[in-house]
Amino acid sequence: MKKLNKLEINPKKLMKNEELLTLRGGYDCCCQCYNWNFELIGVIGNANALNCNPLCLEYFGHGFGYCNC
């Protein structure tokens, strides 16, 4: 256990990335991808708020995403 002045950090209680993603919205969300005219161009399942825009760019090559968690 590290001590930073009065703050103690217990590495056993640190959250893993998967746990943080679950708290933020998890993998059960859908990413709705739109083009620049705000027309729906597709929906990607099993997404989260952090990877919605990159997934739209990967699958459709353009646009932006809105995660409906």
PDB file of N, CA and C in Angstrom:
ATOM      1  N   MET A   1       0.843  -1.171   0.000  1.00  0.00           N
ATOM      2  CA  MET A   1       0.000   0.000   0.000  1.00  0.00           C
ATOM      3  C   MET A   1       0.891   1.238   0.000  1.00  0.00           C
ATOM      4  N   LYS A   2       0.607   2.140  -0.935  1.00  0.00           N
ATOM      5  CA  LYS A   2       1.389   3.367  -1.020  1.00  0.00           C
ATOM      6  C   LYS A   2       0.760   4.451  -0.174  1.00  0.00           C
ATOM      7  N   LYS A   3       1.594   5.304   0.347  1.00  0.00           N
ATOM      8  CA  LYS A   3       1.091   6.448   1.104  1.00  0.00           C
ATOM      9  C   LYS A   3       1.562   7.724   0.429  1.00  0.00           C
ATOM     10  N   LEU A   4       0.627   8.576   0.133  1.00  0.00           N
ATOM     11  CA  LEU A   4       0.926   9.889  -0.415  1.00  0.00           C
ATOM     12  C   LEU A   4       0.474  10.907   0.633  1.00  0.00           C
ATOM     13  N   ASN A   5       1.401  11.313   1.455  1.00  0.00           N
ATOM     14  CA  ASN A   5       1.089  12.165   2.601  1.00  0.00           C
ATOM     15  C   ASN A   5      -0.005  11.513   3.435  1.00  0.00           C
ATOM     16  N   LYS A   6      -1.225  12.020   3.403  1.00  0.00           N
ATOM     17  CA  LYS A   6      -2.299  11.439   4.199  1.00  0.00           C
ATOM     18  C   LYS A   6      -3.168  10.472   3.396  1.00  0.00           C
ATOM     19  N   LEU A   7      -2.973  10.423   2.082  1.00  0.00           N
ATOM     20  CA  LEU A   7      -3.779   9.577   1.217  1.00  0.00           C
ATOM     21  C   LEU A   7      -3.151   8.193   1.097  1.00  0.00           C
ATOM     22  N   GLU A   8      -3.936   7.151   1.305  1.00  0.00           N
ATOM     23  CA  GLU A   8      -3.469   5.785   1.142  1.00  0.00           C
ATOM     24  C   GLU A   8      -4.185   5.149  -0.047  1.00  0.00           C
ATOM     25  N   ILE A   9      -3.435   4.507  -0.933  1.00  0.00           N
ATOM     26  CA  ILE A   9      -4.000   3.849  -2.103  1.00  0.00           C
ATOM     27  C   ILE A   9      -3.845   2.348  -1.941  1.00  0.00           C
ATOM     28  N   ASN A  10      -4.962   1.655  -1.960  1.00  0.00           N
ATOM     29  CA  ASN A  10      -4.957   0.205  -1.851  1.00  0.00           C
ATOM     30  C   ASN A  10      -5.148  -0.380  -3.251  1.00  0.00           C
ATOM     31  N   PRO A  11      -4.125  -1.027  -3.839  1.00  0.00           N
ATOM     32  CA  PRO A  11      -4.241  -1.537  -5.209  1.00  0.00           C
ATOM     33  C   PRO A  11      -5.303  -2.631  -5.365  1.00  0.00           C
ATOM     34  N   LYS A  12      -5.696  -3.279  -4.286  1.00  0.00           N
ATOM     35  CA  LYS A  12      -6.726  -4.308  -4.361  1.00  0.00           C
ATOM     36  C   LYS A  12      -8.099  -3.715  -4.615  1.00  0.00           C
ATOM     37  N   LYS A  13      -8.281  -2.438  -4.321  1.00  0.00           N
ATOM     38  CA  LYS A  13      -9.584  -1.799  -4.476  1.00  0.00           C
ATOM     39  C   LYS A  13      -9.678  -0.927  -5.717  1.00  0.00           C
ATOM     40  N   LEU A  14      -8.646  -0.940  -6.577  1.00  0.00           N
ATOM     41  CA  LEU A  14      -8.704  -0.191  -7.822  1.00  0.00           C
ATOM     42  C   LEU A  14      -9.633  -0.903  -8.795  1.00  0.00           C
ATOM     43  N   MET A  15     -10.396  -0.131  -9.560  1.00  0.00           N
ATOM     44  CA  MET A  15     -11.333  -0.718 -10.510  1.00  0.00           C
ATOM     45  C   MET A  15     -10.632  -1.027 -11.829  1.00  0.00           C
ATOM     46  N   LYS A  16     -11.041  -2.111 -12.444  1.00  0.00           N
ATOM     47  CA  LYS A  16     -10.507  -2.494 -13.748  1.00  0.00           C
ATOM     48  C   LYS A  16     -11.269  -1.750 -14.835  1.00  0.00           C
ATOM     49  N   ASN A  17     -10.703  -1.717 -16.040  1.00  0.00           N
ATOM     50  CA  ASN A  17     -11.317  -0.998 -17.154  1.00  0.00           C
ATOM     51  C   ASN A  17     -12.715  -1.535 -17.480  1.00  0.00           C
ATOM     52  N   GLU A  18     -12.909  -2.848 -17.407  1.00  0.00           N
ATOM     53  CA  GLU A  18     -14.207  -3.440 -17.703  1.00  0.00           C
ATOM     54  C   GLU A  18     -15.263  -2.966 -16.709  1.00  0.00           C
ATOM     55  N   GLU A  19     -14.873  -2.844 -15.441  1.00  0.00           N
ATOM     56  CA  GLU A  19     -15.810  -2.371 -14.426  1.00  0.00           C
ATOM     57  C   GLU A  19     -16.167  -0.905 -14.653  1.00  0.00           C
ATOM     58  N   LEU A  20     -15.191  -0.104 -15.067  1.00  0.00           N
ATOM     59  CA  LEU A  20     -15.466   1.304 -15.351  1.00  0.00           C
ATOM     60  C   LEU A  20     -16.404   1.456 -16.542  1.00  0.00           C
ATOM     61  N   LEU A  21     -16.218   0.643 -17.587  1.00  0.00           N
ATOM     62  CA  LEU A  21     -17.109   0.700 -18.741  1.00  0.00           C
ATOM     63  C   LEU A  21     -18.524   0.294 -18.375  1.00  0.00           C
ATOM     64  N   THR A  22     -18.661  -0.678 -17.491  1.00  0.00           N
ATOM     65  CA  THR A  22     -19.986  -1.097 -17.052  1.00  0.00           C
ATOM     66  C   THR A  22     -20.680   0.033 -16.302  1.00  0.00           C
ATOM     67  N   LEU A  23     -19.955   0.751 -15.474  1.00  0.00           N
ATOM     68  CA  LEU A  23     -20.539   1.879 -14.757  1.00  0.00           C
ATOM     69  C   LEU A  23     -20.926   3.010 -15.699  1.00  0.00           C
ATOM     70  N   ARG A  24     -20.140   3.222 -16.735  1.00  0.00           N
ATOM     71  CA  ARG A  24     -20.400   4.315 -17.658  1.00  0.00           C
ATOM     72  C   ARG A  24     -21.565   4.022 -18.600  1.00  0.00           C
ATOM     73  N   GLY A  25     -21.898   2.795 -18.788  1.00  0.00           N
ATOM     74  CA  GLY A  25     -22.988   2.470 -19.691  1.00  0.00           C
ATOM     75  C   GLY A  25     -22.924   1.052 -20.182  1.00  0.00           C
ATOM     76  N   GLY A  26     -21.823   0.421 -19.977  1.00  0.00           N
ATOM     77  CA  GLY A  26     -21.689  -0.980 -20.318  1.00  0.00           C
ATOM     78  C   GLY A  26     -21.611  -1.245 -21.802  1.00  0.00           C
ATOM     79  N   TYR A  27     -21.686  -2.509 -22.153  1.00  0.00           N
ATOM     80  CA  TYR A  27     -21.608  -2.940 -23.538  1.00  0.00           C
ATOM     81  C   TYR A  27     -22.987  -3.252 -24.106  1.00  0.00           C
ATOM     82  N   ASP A  28     -24.048  -3.002 -23.362  1.00  0.00           N
ATOM     83  CA  ASP A  28     -25.385  -3.344 -23.818  1.00  0.00           C
ATOM     84  C   ASP A  28     -26.076  -2.195 -24.527  1.00  0.00           C
ATOM     85  N   CYS A  29     -25.345  -1.179 -24.892  1.00  0.00           N
ATOM     86  CA  CYS A  29     -25.924  -0.007 -25.538  1.00  0.00           C
ATOM     87  C   CYS A  29     -25.808  -0.142 -27.053  1.00  0.00           C
ATOM     88  N   CYS A  30     -26.599   0.641 -27.741  1.00  0.00           N
ATOM     89  CA  CYS A  30     -26.523   0.712 -29.198  1.00  0.00           C
ATOM     90  C   CYS A  30     -25.985   2.076 -29.599  1.00  0.00           C
ATOM     91  N   CYS A  31     -25.167   2.079 -30.609  1.00  0.00           N
ATOM     92  CA  CYS A  31     -24.610   3.316 -31.147  1.00  0.00           C
ATOM     93  C   CYS A  31     -25.352   3.629 -32.445  1.00  0.00           C
ATOM     94  N   GLN A  32     -26.035   4.758 -32.476  1.00  0.00           N
ATOM     95  CA  GLN A  32     -26.743   5.177 -33.681  1.00  0.00           C
ATOM     96  C   GLN A  32     -25.839   6.122 -34.448  1.00  0.00           C
ATOM     97  N   CYS A  33     -25.546   5.773 -35.690  1.00  0.00           N
ATOM     98  CA  CYS A  33     -24.622   6.557 -36.509  1.00  0.00           C
ATOM     99  C   CYS A  33     -25.393   7.434 -37.486  1.00  0.00           C
ATOM    100  N   TYR A  34     -25.011   8.698 -37.549  1.00  0.00           N
ATOM    101  CA  TYR A  34     -25.672   9.677 -38.397  1.00  0.00           C
ATOM    102  C   TYR A  34     -24.657  10.289 -39.357  1.00  0.00           C
ATOM    103  N   ASN A  35     -25.148  10.749 -40.515  1.00  0.00           N
ATOM    104  CA  ASN A  35     -24.280  11.501 -41.409  1.00  0.00           C
ATOM    105  C   ASN A  35     -24.359  12.979 -41.021  1.00  0.00           C
ATOM    106  N   TRP A  36     -23.699  13.828 -41.767  1.00  0.00           N
ATOM    107  CA  TRP A  36     -23.623  15.244 -41.392  1.00  0.00           C
ATOM    108  C   TRP A  36     -24.928  15.990 -41.640  1.00  0.00           C
ATOM    109  N   ASN A  37     -25.904  15.341 -42.314  1.00  0.00           N
ATOM    110  CA  ASN A  37     -27.234  15.915 -42.490  1.00  0.00           C
ATOM    111  C   ASN A  37     -28.205  15.402 -41.430  1.00  0.00           C
ATOM    112  N   PHE A  38     -27.668  14.753 -40.406  1.00  0.00           N
ATOM    113  CA  PHE A  38     -28.431  14.181 -39.294  1.00  0.00           C
ATOM    114  C   PHE A  38     -29.421  13.120 -39.757  1.00  0.00           C
ATOM    115  N   GLU A  39     -29.042  12.350 -40.778  1.00  0.00           N
ATOM    116  CA  GLU A  39     -29.833  11.216 -41.237  1.00  0.00           C
ATOM    117  C   GLU A  39     -29.196   9.947 -40.698  1.00  0.00           C
ATOM    118  N   LEU A  40     -30.004   9.052 -40.164  1.00  0.00           N
ATOM    119  CA  LEU A  40     -29.505   7.792 -39.610  1.00  0.00           C
ATOM    120  C   LEU A  40     -28.928   6.936 -40.722  1.00  0.00           C
ATOM    121  N   ILE A  41     -27.669   6.518 -40.556  1.00  0.00           N
ATOM    122  CA  ILE A  41     -27.036   5.676 -41.579  1.00  0.00           C
ATOM    123  C   ILE A  41     -26.821   4.250 -41.090  1.00  0.00           C
ATOM    124  N   GLY A  42     -26.965   4.011 -39.789  1.00  0.00           N
ATOM    125  CA  GLY A  42     -26.812   2.651 -39.286  1.00  0.00           C
ATOM    126  C   GLY A  42     -26.795   2.599 -37.774  1.00  0.00           C
ATOM    127  N   VAL A  43     -26.947   1.401 -37.252  1.00  0.00           N
ATOM    128  CA  VAL A  43     -26.937   1.166 -35.810  1.00  0.00           C
ATOM    129  C   VAL A  43     -25.941   0.057 -35.524  1.00  0.00           C
ATOM    130  N   ILE A  44     -25.115   0.264 -34.522  1.00  0.00           N
ATOM    131  CA  ILE A  44     -24.121  -0.733 -34.111  1.00  0.00           C
ATOM    132  C   ILE A  44     -24.453  -1.164 -32.691  1.00  0.00           C
ATOM    133  N   GLY A  45     -24.626  -2.444 -32.490  1.00  0.00           N
ATOM    134  CA  GLY A  45     -24.918  -2.971 -31.161  1.00  0.00           C
ATOM    135  C   GLY A  45     -23.649  -3.240 -30.385  1.00  0.00           C
ATOM    136  N   ASN A  46     -23.822  -3.499 -29.105  1.00  0.00           N
ATOM    137  CA  ASN A  46     -22.717  -3.854 -28.219  1.00  0.00           C
ATOM    138  C   ASN A  46     -21.654  -2.765 -28.192  1.00  0.00           C
ATOM    139  N   ALA A  47     -22.087  -1.525 -28.049  1.00  0.00           N
ATOM    140  CA  ALA A  47     -21.175  -0.382 -28.011  1.00  0.00           C
ATOM    141  C   ALA A  47     -21.281   0.298 -26.652  1.00  0.00           C
ATOM    142  N   ASN A  48     -20.442   1.277 -26.451  1.00  0.00           N
ATOM    143  CA  ASN A  48     -20.543   2.115 -25.258  1.00  0.00           C
ATOM    144  C   ASN A  48     -20.245   3.549 -25.646  1.00  0.00           C
ATOM    145  N   ALA A  49     -20.389   4.456 -24.710  1.00  0.00           N
ATOM    146  CA  ALA A  49     -20.243   5.877 -25.007  1.00  0.00           C
ATOM    147  C   ALA A  49     -18.823   6.236 -25.434  1.00  0.00           C
ATOM    148  N   LEU A  50     -17.844   5.478 -25.000  1.00  0.00           N
ATOM    149  CA  LEU A  50     -16.462   5.800 -25.336  1.00  0.00           C
ATOM    150  C   LEU A  50     -16.073   5.412 -26.754  1.00  0.00           C
ATOM    151  N   ASN A  51     -16.688   4.367 -27.290  1.00  0.00           N
ATOM    152  CA  ASN A  51     -16.245   3.917 -28.608  1.00  0.00           C
ATOM    153  C   ASN A  51     -17.296   4.105 -29.693  1.00  0.00           C
ATOM    154  N   CYS A  52     -18.328   4.870 -29.440  1.00  0.00           N
ATOM    155  CA  CYS A  52     -19.406   5.054 -30.411  1.00  0.00           C
ATOM    156  C   CYS A  52     -18.907   5.785 -31.669  1.00  0.00           C
ATOM    157  N   ASN A  53     -18.305   6.949 -31.533  1.00  0.00           N
ATOM    158  CA  ASN A  53     -17.806   7.684 -32.697  1.00  0.00           C
ATOM    159  C   ASN A  53     -16.751   6.908 -33.478  1.00  0.00           C
ATOM    160  N   PRO A  54     -15.758   6.308 -32.813  1.00  0.00           N
ATOM    161  CA  PRO A  54     -14.789   5.518 -33.581  1.00  0.00           C
ATOM    162  C   PRO A  54     -15.417   4.341 -34.328  1.00  0.00           C
ATOM    163  N   LEU A  55     -16.451   3.724 -33.757  1.00  0.00           N
ATOM    164  CA  LEU A  55     -17.118   2.622 -34.446  1.00  0.00           C
ATOM    165  C   LEU A  55     -17.841   3.111 -35.694  1.00  0.00           C
ATOM    166  N   CYS A  56     -18.490   4.269 -35.611  1.00  0.00           N
ATOM    167  CA  CYS A  56     -19.164   4.826 -36.795  1.00  0.00           C
ATOM    168  C   CYS A  56     -18.154   5.108 -37.900  1.00  0.00           C
ATOM    169  N   LEU A  57     -17.026   5.649 -37.533  1.00  0.00           N
ATOM    170  CA  LEU A  57     -16.003   5.919 -38.536  1.00  0.00           C
ATOM    171  C   LEU A  57     -15.452   4.626 -39.132  1.00  0.00           C
ATOM    172  N   GLU A  58     -15.306   3.606 -38.300  1.00  0.00           N
ATOM    173  CA  GLU A  58     -14.764   2.334 -38.784  1.00  0.00           C
ATOM    174  C   GLU A  58     -15.738   1.620 -39.718  1.00  0.00           C
ATOM    175  N   TYR A  59     -17.011   1.557 -39.335  1.00  0.00           N
ATOM    176  CA  TYR A  59     -17.983   0.800 -40.114  1.00  0.00           C
ATOM    177  C   TYR A  59     -18.517   1.553 -41.328  1.00  0.00           C
ATOM    178  N   PHE A  60     -18.720   2.865 -41.192  1.00  0.00           N
ATOM    179  CA  PHE A  60     -19.364   3.619 -42.255  1.00  0.00           C
ATOM    180  C   PHE A  60     -18.442   4.626 -42.939  1.00  0.00           C
ATOM    181  N   GLY A  61     -17.277   4.877 -42.371  1.00  0.00           N
ATOM    182  CA  GLY A  61     -16.297   5.746 -42.994  1.00  0.00           C
ATOM    183  C   GLY A  61     -16.526   7.235 -42.807  1.00  0.00           C
ATOM    184  N   HIS A  62     -17.650   7.599 -42.219  1.00  0.00           N
ATOM    185  CA  HIS A  62     -17.937   9.011 -41.976  1.00  0.00           C
ATOM    186  C   HIS A  62     -19.057   9.122 -40.953  1.00  0.00           C
ATOM    187  N   GLY A  63     -19.362  10.325 -40.554  1.00  0.00           N
ATOM    188  CA  GLY A  63     -20.470  10.562 -39.636  1.00  0.00           C
ATOM    189  C   GLY A  63     -20.035  10.601 -38.190  1.00  0.00           C
ATOM    190  N   PHE A  64     -21.038  10.587 -37.333  1.00  0.00           N
ATOM    191  CA  PHE A  64     -20.812  10.619 -35.892  1.00  0.00           C
ATOM    192  C   PHE A  64     -21.846   9.727 -35.228  1.00  0.00           C
ATOM    193  N   GLY A  65     -21.614   9.409 -33.967  1.00  0.00           N
ATOM    194  CA  GLY A  65     -22.498   8.480 -33.275  1.00  0.00           C
ATOM    195  C   GLY A  65     -23.118   9.061 -32.035  1.00  0.00           C
ATOM    196  N   TYR A  66     -24.277   8.518 -31.708  1.00  0.00           N
ATOM    197  CA  TYR A  66     -24.982   8.852 -30.482  1.00  0.00           C
ATOM    198  C   TYR A  66     -25.265   7.538 -29.757  1.00  0.00           C
ATOM    199  N   CYS A  67     -24.765   7.422 -28.548  1.00  0.00           N
ATOM    200  CA  CYS A  67     -24.929   6.192 -27.765  1.00  0.00           C
ATOM    201  C   CYS A  67     -26.184   6.327 -26.905  1.00  0.00           C
ATOM    202  N   ASN A  68     -27.133   5.441 -27.086  1.00  0.00           N
ATOM    203  CA  ASN A  68     -28.381   5.516 -26.318  1.00  0.00           C
ATOM    204  C   ASN A  68     -28.351   4.526 -25.164  1.00  0.00           C
ATOM    205  N   CYS A  69     -27.602   4.852 -24.157  1.00  0.00           N
ATOM    206  CA  CYS A  69     -27.508   4.002 -22.971  1.00  0.00           C
ATOM    207  C   CYS A  69     -28.580   4.367 -21.965  1.00  0.00           C
TER     208      CYS A  69
END
